[in-house]
Amino acid sequence: FISDSVYYSGKHSYKMDSLHEWAPAFSCPLDSITISNNDFIEVSLKLYPLEKLTDIEIVSEIKSGGETVDWRSTPVTKCLPDTLLKQWASAYHAIKLSDISVNRSVARVSIYIWNKGKKNFYMDNFSVKTVKGNPIIYGLINKI
């Protein structure tokens, strides 16, 4: 499903279609990408819709001991209009770790695209990064 005919940067993109509900996932131990409970995990990607992108979500899931401790998603229509066709646009998702009570040393984070509407689109520049949180902001409710 790697395409070299439509891409945002580089020479390839990934094509999703009506036969594929799940894109490949990014997954890693949570403590390998975060330092403190005040950090954020930011996800971004470029989308090239071939039809209205209703029912497409960016999903994050944190598991610990085989159990899901946090599952959240952002519909891509929150980031781009559903009337946008055949143009690249950005979609975003964020995880505020201070909202999640989990032992980071045993937790694992997974991030993926859920094509529950089984739509046709290309995606490129999938990025996951950590943003250092500001512990002073949370000092009013958390011990510094």
N, C-alpha and C. Protein backbone atom coordinates (compact mmCIF):
# COMPACT_ATOMS: atom_id res chain seq x y z
N PHE A 1 0.80 -1.19 0.00
CA PHE A 1 0.00 0.00 0.00
C PHE A 1 0.85 1.26 0.00
N ILE A 2 2.14 1.08 -0.25
CA ILE A 2 3.02 2.22 -0.42
C ILE A 2 2.83 2.74 -1.84
N SER A 3 2.58 4.03 -1.95
CA SER A 3 2.33 4.63 -3.26
C SER A 3 3.44 5.61 -3.60
N ASP A 4 3.86 5.60 -4.85
CA ASP A 4 4.83 6.60 -5.30
C ASP A 4 4.20 7.58 -6.28
N SER A 5 2.86 7.52 -6.44
CA SER A 5 2.18 8.44 -7.37
C SER A 5 1.68 9.70 -6.68
N VAL A 6 1.33 9.62 -5.41
CA VAL A 6 0.87 10.77 -4.64
C VAL A 6 1.64 10.78 -3.33
N TYR A 7 2.29 11.89 -3.01
CA TYR A 7 3.03 11.99 -1.76
C TYR A 7 3.19 13.46 -1.39
N TYR A 8 3.35 13.70 -0.09
CA TYR A 8 3.53 15.07 0.40
C TYR A 8 4.99 15.46 0.38
N SER A 9 5.82 14.60 0.92
CA SER A 9 7.27 14.84 0.89
C SER A 9 7.95 13.50 0.70
N GLY A 10 9.20 13.53 0.35
CA GLY A 10 9.87 12.28 0.04
C GLY A 10 9.36 11.77 -1.30
N LYS A 11 9.26 10.44 -1.42
CA LYS A 11 8.84 9.86 -2.69
C LYS A 11 7.70 8.86 -2.54
N HIS A 12 7.15 8.75 -1.31
CA HIS A 12 6.10 7.75 -1.09
C HIS A 12 5.07 8.24 -0.09
N SER A 13 3.90 7.67 -0.15
CA SER A 13 2.87 7.85 0.86
C SER A 13 2.25 6.47 1.11
N TYR A 14 1.32 6.41 2.04
CA TYR A 14 0.64 5.16 2.36
C TYR A 14 -0.82 5.32 1.97
N LYS A 15 -1.35 4.40 1.18
CA LYS A 15 -2.74 4.51 0.71
C LYS A 15 -3.65 3.62 1.55
N MET A 16 -4.71 4.24 2.06
CA MET A 16 -5.77 3.51 2.75
C MET A 16 -6.96 3.42 1.81
N ASP A 17 -7.68 2.30 1.88
CA ASP A 17 -8.85 2.14 1.02
C ASP A 17 -9.96 1.41 1.75
N SER A 18 -11.02 1.10 1.04
CA SER A 18 -12.20 0.49 1.65
C SER A 18 -11.95 -0.91 2.18
N LEU A 19 -10.86 -1.52 1.82
CA LEU A 19 -10.55 -2.87 2.30
C LEU A 19 -9.71 -2.87 3.58
N HIS A 20 -9.26 -1.69 3.99
CA HIS A 20 -8.35 -1.61 5.13
C HIS A 20 -8.87 -0.66 6.21
N GLU A 21 -9.18 -1.25 7.36
CA GLU A 21 -9.71 -0.47 8.47
C GLU A 21 -8.61 0.09 9.37
N TRP A 22 -7.44 -0.55 9.38
CA TRP A 22 -6.36 -0.15 10.28
C TRP A 22 -5.08 0.11 9.50
N ALA A 23 -4.45 1.23 9.80
CA ALA A 23 -3.13 1.51 9.23
C ALA A 23 -2.08 0.89 10.16
N PRO A 24 -0.86 0.72 9.69
CA PRO A 24 0.20 0.23 10.58
C PRO A 24 0.34 1.13 11.81
N ALA A 25 0.66 0.54 12.93
CA ALA A 25 0.73 1.27 14.20
C ALA A 25 2.16 1.61 14.58
N PHE A 26 2.30 2.72 15.29
CA PHE A 26 3.54 3.05 15.99
C PHE A 26 3.34 2.54 17.41
N SER A 27 4.33 1.82 17.95
CA SER A 27 4.21 1.29 19.31
C SER A 27 5.59 1.25 19.96
N CYS A 28 5.63 1.62 21.25
CA CYS A 28 6.89 1.57 21.99
C CYS A 28 6.60 1.63 23.49
N PRO A 29 7.59 1.27 24.32
CA PRO A 29 7.41 1.45 25.77
C PRO A 29 7.23 2.93 26.07
N LEU A 30 6.29 3.25 26.95
CA LEU A 30 5.99 4.64 27.25
C LEU A 30 7.19 5.37 27.85
N ASP A 31 7.94 4.71 28.71
CA ASP A 31 9.07 5.40 29.35
C ASP A 31 10.23 5.64 28.40
N SER A 32 10.20 5.05 27.20
CA SER A 32 11.30 5.31 26.25
C SER A 32 11.12 6.64 25.51
N ILE A 33 9.91 7.22 25.58
CA ILE A 33 9.70 8.50 24.88
C ILE A 33 9.26 9.63 25.80
N THR A 34 9.03 9.34 27.08
CA THR A 34 8.61 10.39 28.01
C THR A 34 9.56 10.47 29.19
N ILE A 35 9.63 11.65 29.78
CA ILE A 35 10.51 11.86 30.93
C ILE A 35 9.68 12.05 32.19
N SER A 36 8.62 12.86 32.10
CA SER A 36 7.82 13.15 33.29
C SER A 36 6.33 12.99 33.00
N ASN A 37 5.55 12.98 34.05
CA ASN A 37 4.10 12.88 33.90
C ASN A 37 3.49 14.15 33.34
N ASN A 38 4.26 15.21 33.22
CA ASN A 38 3.76 16.47 32.67
C ASN A 38 3.98 16.57 31.16
N ASP A 39 4.61 15.57 30.57
CA ASP A 39 4.88 15.59 29.13
C ASP A 39 3.60 15.37 28.32
N PHE A 40 3.69 15.76 27.06
CA PHE A 40 2.62 15.52 26.09
C PHE A 40 3.20 14.66 24.98
N ILE A 41 2.38 13.83 24.40
CA ILE A 41 2.75 13.12 23.17
C ILE A 41 1.91 13.73 22.07
N GLU A 42 2.58 14.24 21.03
CA GLU A 42 1.89 14.86 19.91
C GLU A 42 2.04 14.00 18.67
N VAL A 43 0.93 13.82 17.98
CA VAL A 43 0.89 13.05 16.75
C VAL A 43 0.43 13.98 15.63
N SER A 44 1.10 13.91 14.51
CA SER A 44 0.66 14.69 13.35
C SER A 44 0.86 13.85 12.09
N LEU A 45 0.07 14.14 11.07
CA LEU A 45 0.24 13.49 9.78
C LEU A 45 -0.44 14.34 8.72
N LYS A 46 -0.07 14.08 7.50
CA LYS A 46 -0.69 14.72 6.35
C LYS A 46 -1.66 13.72 5.71
N LEU A 47 -2.82 14.23 5.31
CA LEU A 47 -3.84 13.41 4.66
C LEU A 47 -4.19 14.00 3.30
N TYR A 48 -4.45 13.13 2.36
CA TYR A 48 -4.87 13.51 1.01
C TYR A 48 -6.15 12.75 0.71
N PRO A 49 -7.31 13.35 1.00
CA PRO A 49 -8.59 12.65 0.85
C PRO A 49 -9.00 12.48 -0.62
N LEU A 50 -9.49 11.30 -0.94
CA LEU A 50 -10.07 11.04 -2.24
C LEU A 50 -11.60 11.08 -2.18
N GLU A 51 -12.12 11.17 -0.95
CA GLU A 51 -13.55 11.31 -0.69
C GLU A 51 -13.70 11.93 0.69
N LYS A 52 -14.91 12.21 1.13
CA LYS A 52 -15.12 12.81 2.45
C LYS A 52 -14.55 11.90 3.52
N LEU A 53 -13.76 12.47 4.42
CA LEU A 53 -13.08 11.66 5.44
C LEU A 53 -13.88 11.57 6.74
N THR A 54 -15.13 11.24 6.65
CA THR A 54 -15.90 10.98 7.86
C THR A 54 -15.51 9.60 8.39
N ASP A 55 -15.53 9.45 9.69
CA ASP A 55 -15.21 8.19 10.34
C ASP A 55 -13.76 7.74 10.15
N ILE A 56 -12.83 8.70 10.18
CA ILE A 56 -11.40 8.42 10.22
C ILE A 56 -10.88 9.02 11.52
N GLU A 57 -10.17 8.23 12.32
CA GLU A 57 -9.71 8.73 13.61
C GLU A 57 -8.24 8.41 13.84
N ILE A 58 -7.56 9.33 14.52
CA ILE A 58 -6.21 9.07 15.01
C ILE A 58 -6.39 8.56 16.43
N VAL A 59 -5.87 7.38 16.70
CA VAL A 59 -6.12 6.71 17.98
C VAL A 59 -4.82 6.53 18.75
N SER A 60 -4.89 6.75 20.06
CA SER A 60 -3.78 6.40 20.95
C SER A 60 -4.31 5.46 22.02
N GLU A 61 -3.48 4.51 22.37
CA GLU A 61 -3.86 3.51 23.36
C GLU A 61 -2.65 3.25 24.26
N ILE A 62 -2.88 3.28 25.56
CA ILE A 62 -1.82 2.96 26.51
C ILE A 62 -2.25 1.73 27.27
N LYS A 63 -1.38 0.72 27.24
CA LYS A 63 -1.67 -0.53 27.93
C LYS A 63 -0.62 -0.77 29.00
N SER A 64 -1.07 -1.36 30.09
CA SER A 64 -0.17 -1.73 31.18
C SER A 64 -0.63 -3.08 31.71
N GLY A 65 0.28 -4.03 31.77
CA GLY A 65 -0.07 -5.36 32.25
C GLY A 65 -1.14 -6.03 31.41
N GLY A 66 -1.15 -5.75 30.11
CA GLY A 66 -2.12 -6.35 29.22
C GLY A 66 -3.50 -5.70 29.22
N GLU A 67 -3.70 -4.69 30.08
CA GLU A 67 -4.98 -4.00 30.14
C GLU A 67 -4.86 -2.59 29.56
N THR A 68 -5.89 -2.15 28.88
CA THR A 68 -5.93 -0.80 28.35
C THR A 68 -6.24 0.16 29.49
N VAL A 69 -5.32 1.09 29.76
CA VAL A 69 -5.54 2.09 30.82
C VAL A 69 -5.98 3.44 30.25
N ASP A 70 -5.73 3.65 28.96
CA ASP A 70 -6.19 4.88 28.31
C ASP A 70 -6.38 4.61 26.82
N TRP A 71 -7.52 5.01 26.32
CA TRP A 71 -7.83 4.93 24.90
C TRP A 71 -8.52 6.22 24.53
N ARG A 72 -8.00 6.90 23.53
CA ARG A 72 -8.63 8.14 23.08
C ARG A 72 -8.41 8.30 21.59
N SER A 73 -9.27 9.09 20.97
CA SER A 73 -9.14 9.30 19.53
C SER A 73 -9.53 10.72 19.17
N THR A 74 -9.03 11.16 18.03
CA THR A 74 -9.40 12.45 17.47
C THR A 74 -9.90 12.21 16.05
N PRO A 75 -11.17 12.53 15.78
CA PRO A 75 -11.65 12.44 14.39
C PRO A 75 -10.90 13.44 13.53
N VAL A 76 -10.47 13.03 12.34
CA VAL A 76 -9.71 13.96 11.49
C VAL A 76 -10.57 15.13 11.03
N THR A 77 -11.89 14.99 11.08
CA THR A 77 -12.76 16.12 10.70
C THR A 77 -12.69 17.26 11.71
N LYS A 78 -12.07 17.03 12.89
CA LYS A 78 -11.83 18.14 13.82
C LYS A 78 -10.69 19.02 13.34
N CYS A 79 -9.85 18.48 12.46
CA CYS A 79 -8.68 19.20 11.98
C CYS A 79 -8.83 19.73 10.56
N LEU A 80 -9.68 19.10 9.77
CA LEU A 80 -9.83 19.53 8.39
C LEU A 80 -11.29 19.38 7.96
N PRO A 81 -11.74 20.22 7.05
CA PRO A 81 -13.14 20.13 6.62
C PRO A 81 -13.41 18.85 5.84
N ASP A 82 -14.61 18.30 6.01
CA ASP A 82 -14.91 17.05 5.31
C ASP A 82 -15.17 17.28 3.82
N THR A 83 -15.16 18.53 3.39
CA THR A 83 -15.33 18.85 1.97
C THR A 83 -14.00 18.91 1.22
N LEU A 84 -12.90 18.84 1.94
CA LEU A 84 -11.58 18.92 1.32
C LEU A 84 -11.31 17.65 0.51
N LEU A 85 -10.96 17.81 -0.75
CA LEU A 85 -10.65 16.67 -1.61
C LEU A 85 -9.39 16.95 -2.42
N LYS A 86 -8.58 15.92 -2.57
CA LYS A 86 -7.38 15.93 -3.40
C LYS A 86 -6.46 17.10 -3.11
N GLN A 87 -6.29 17.37 -1.81
CA GLN A 87 -5.32 18.36 -1.33
C GLN A 87 -4.74 17.83 -0.03
N TRP A 88 -3.49 18.10 0.22
CA TRP A 88 -2.87 17.70 1.47
C TRP A 88 -3.32 18.61 2.60
N ALA A 89 -3.61 18.02 3.74
CA ALA A 89 -4.00 18.78 4.92
C ALA A 89 -3.43 18.07 6.15
N SER A 90 -3.28 18.80 7.23
CA SER A 90 -2.70 18.25 8.45
C SER A 90 -3.78 17.83 9.44
N ALA A 91 -3.51 16.74 10.14
CA ALA A 91 -4.38 16.29 11.23
C ALA A 91 -3.50 16.05 12.46
N TYR A 92 -4.08 16.25 13.65
CA TYR A 92 -3.31 16.20 14.89
C TYR A 92 -4.05 15.43 15.98
N HIS A 93 -3.27 14.92 16.92
CA HIS A 93 -3.81 14.24 18.10
C HIS A 93 -2.79 14.44 19.21
N ALA A 94 -3.25 14.65 20.44
CA ALA A 94 -2.33 14.85 21.56
C ALA A 94 -2.77 14.05 22.77
N ILE A 95 -1.78 13.64 23.54
CA ILE A 95 -2.03 12.90 24.78
C ILE A 95 -1.36 13.68 25.91
N LYS A 96 -2.14 14.12 26.85
CA LYS A 96 -1.62 14.84 28.02
C LYS A 96 -1.42 13.79 29.12
N LEU A 97 -0.17 13.45 29.38
CA LEU A 97 0.13 12.35 30.30
C LEU A 97 -0.30 12.61 31.73
N SER A 98 -0.44 13.88 32.12
CA SER A 98 -0.87 14.17 33.49
C SER A 98 -2.32 13.74 33.71
N ASP A 99 -3.05 13.48 32.64
CA ASP A 99 -4.43 13.01 32.75
C ASP A 99 -4.52 11.49 32.96
N ILE A 100 -3.39 10.80 32.84
CA ILE A 100 -3.39 9.34 32.85
C ILE A 100 -2.58 8.83 34.04
N SER A 101 -3.18 8.01 34.86
CA SER A 101 -2.48 7.42 35.99
C SER A 101 -1.97 6.04 35.57
N VAL A 102 -0.66 5.95 35.32
CA VAL A 102 -0.07 4.70 34.87
C VAL A 102 1.41 4.65 35.27
N ASN A 103 1.89 3.47 35.57
CA ASN A 103 3.31 3.27 35.82
C ASN A 103 4.00 3.23 34.45
N ARG A 104 4.70 4.29 34.10
CA ARG A 104 5.31 4.40 32.77
C ARG A 104 6.34 3.33 32.48
N SER A 105 6.97 2.79 33.52
CA SER A 105 8.04 1.81 33.29
C SER A 105 7.50 0.48 32.77
N VAL A 106 6.21 0.21 32.92
CA VAL A 106 5.63 -1.05 32.42
C VAL A 106 4.55 -0.81 31.36
N ALA A 107 4.29 0.44 31.02
CA ALA A 107 3.23 0.77 30.06
C ALA A 107 3.79 0.84 28.64
N ARG A 108 2.91 0.62 27.69
CA ARG A 108 3.25 0.68 26.27
C ARG A 108 2.22 1.56 25.57
N VAL A 109 2.69 2.44 24.68
CA VAL A 109 1.80 3.30 23.92
C VAL A 109 1.76 2.82 22.47
N SER A 110 0.57 2.84 21.90
CA SER A 110 0.37 2.52 20.48
C SER A 110 -0.45 3.64 19.85
N ILE A 111 -0.07 4.01 18.64
CA ILE A 111 -0.77 5.08 17.93
C ILE A 111 -1.01 4.60 16.51
N TYR A 112 -2.25 4.76 16.04
CA TYR A 112 -2.60 4.26 14.72
C TYR A 112 -3.77 5.04 14.14
N ILE A 113 -4.01 4.82 12.86
CA ILE A 113 -5.15 5.43 12.16
C ILE A 113 -6.23 4.37 12.03
N TRP A 114 -7.45 4.75 12.45
CA TRP A 114 -8.59 3.85 12.37
C TRP A 114 -9.49 4.35 11.25
N ASN A 115 -9.53 3.60 10.18
CA ASN A 115 -10.33 3.93 9.01
C ASN A 115 -11.69 3.24 9.14
N LYS A 116 -12.42 3.58 10.21
CA LYS A 116 -13.67 2.86 10.47
C LYS A 116 -14.74 3.13 9.42
N GLY A 117 -14.61 4.24 8.68
CA GLY A 117 -15.52 4.52 7.58
C GLY A 117 -15.10 3.85 6.28
N LYS A 118 -13.93 3.20 6.32
CA LYS A 118 -13.34 2.51 5.16
C LYS A 118 -13.30 3.42 3.93
N LYS A 119 -12.70 4.60 4.15
CA LYS A 119 -12.57 5.62 3.12
C LYS A 119 -11.27 5.45 2.35
N ASN A 120 -11.18 6.16 1.23
CA ASN A 120 -9.99 6.14 0.38
C ASN A 120 -9.22 7.43 0.58
N PHE A 121 -7.96 7.29 0.98
CA PHE A 121 -7.11 8.47 1.19
C PHE A 121 -5.65 8.03 1.24
N TYR A 122 -4.78 9.02 1.08
CA TYR A 122 -3.34 8.82 1.25
C TYR A 122 -2.92 9.49 2.55
N MET A 123 -1.87 8.97 3.16
CA MET A 123 -1.31 9.64 4.33
C MET A 123 0.21 9.66 4.21
N ASP A 124 0.80 10.69 4.79
CA ASP A 124 2.24 10.89 4.70
C ASP A 124 2.69 11.67 5.94
N ASN A 125 3.98 11.69 6.17
CA ASN A 125 4.60 12.46 7.26
C ASN A 125 3.99 12.15 8.63
N PHE A 126 3.73 10.89 8.90
CA PHE A 126 3.24 10.47 10.21
C PHE A 126 4.34 10.70 11.23
N SER A 127 4.03 11.48 12.27
CA SER A 127 5.05 11.87 13.24
C SER A 127 4.52 11.72 14.66
N VAL A 128 5.35 11.17 15.53
CA VAL A 128 5.05 11.07 16.96
C VAL A 128 6.21 11.71 17.69
N LYS A 129 5.91 12.71 18.54
CA LYS A 129 6.99 13.34 19.28
C LYS A 129 6.52 13.67 20.69
N THR A 130 7.48 13.81 21.57
CA THR A 130 7.20 14.18 22.96
C THR A 130 7.51 15.66 23.15
N VAL A 131 6.61 16.32 23.85
CA VAL A 131 6.81 17.72 24.20
C VAL A 131 6.93 17.79 25.72
N LYS A 132 8.01 18.37 26.17
CA LYS A 132 8.24 18.47 27.61
C LYS A 132 7.19 19.38 28.24
N GLY A 133 6.55 18.87 29.27
CA GLY A 133 5.54 19.64 29.99
C GLY A 133 6.19 20.60 30.97
N ASN A 134 5.43 21.56 31.43
CA ASN A 134 5.92 22.55 32.37
C ASN A 134 5.41 22.19 33.77
N PRO A 135 6.26 21.68 34.66
CA PRO A 135 5.79 21.24 35.98
C PRO A 135 5.27 22.39 36.85
N ILE A 136 5.67 23.62 36.56
CA ILE A 136 5.19 24.75 37.35
C ILE A 136 3.70 24.98 37.12
N ILE A 137 3.25 24.78 35.88
CA ILE A 137 1.82 24.92 35.58
C ILE A 137 1.00 23.97 36.45
N TYR A 138 1.52 22.77 36.66
CA TYR A 138 0.77 21.76 37.41
C TYR A 138 1.09 21.81 38.90
N GLY A 139 1.92 22.75 39.31
CA GLY A 139 2.30 22.85 40.72
C GLY A 139 1.15 23.17 41.65
N LEU A 140 0.09 23.72 41.11
CA LEU A 140 -1.07 24.03 41.95
C LEU A 140 -1.81 22.76 42.38
N ILE A 141 -1.71 21.69 41.57
CA ILE A 141 -2.43 20.47 41.90
C ILE A 141 -1.53 19.26 42.09
N ASN A 142 -0.30 19.34 41.64
CA ASN A 142 0.66 18.24 41.78
C ASN A 142 1.89 18.71 42.54
N LYS A 143 2.50 17.81 43.27
CA LYS A 143 3.74 18.14 43.97
C LYS A 143 4.85 18.37 42.96
N ILE A 144 5.59 19.46 43.12
CA ILE A 144 6.69 19.80 42.22
C ILE A 144 7.95 19.10 42.67
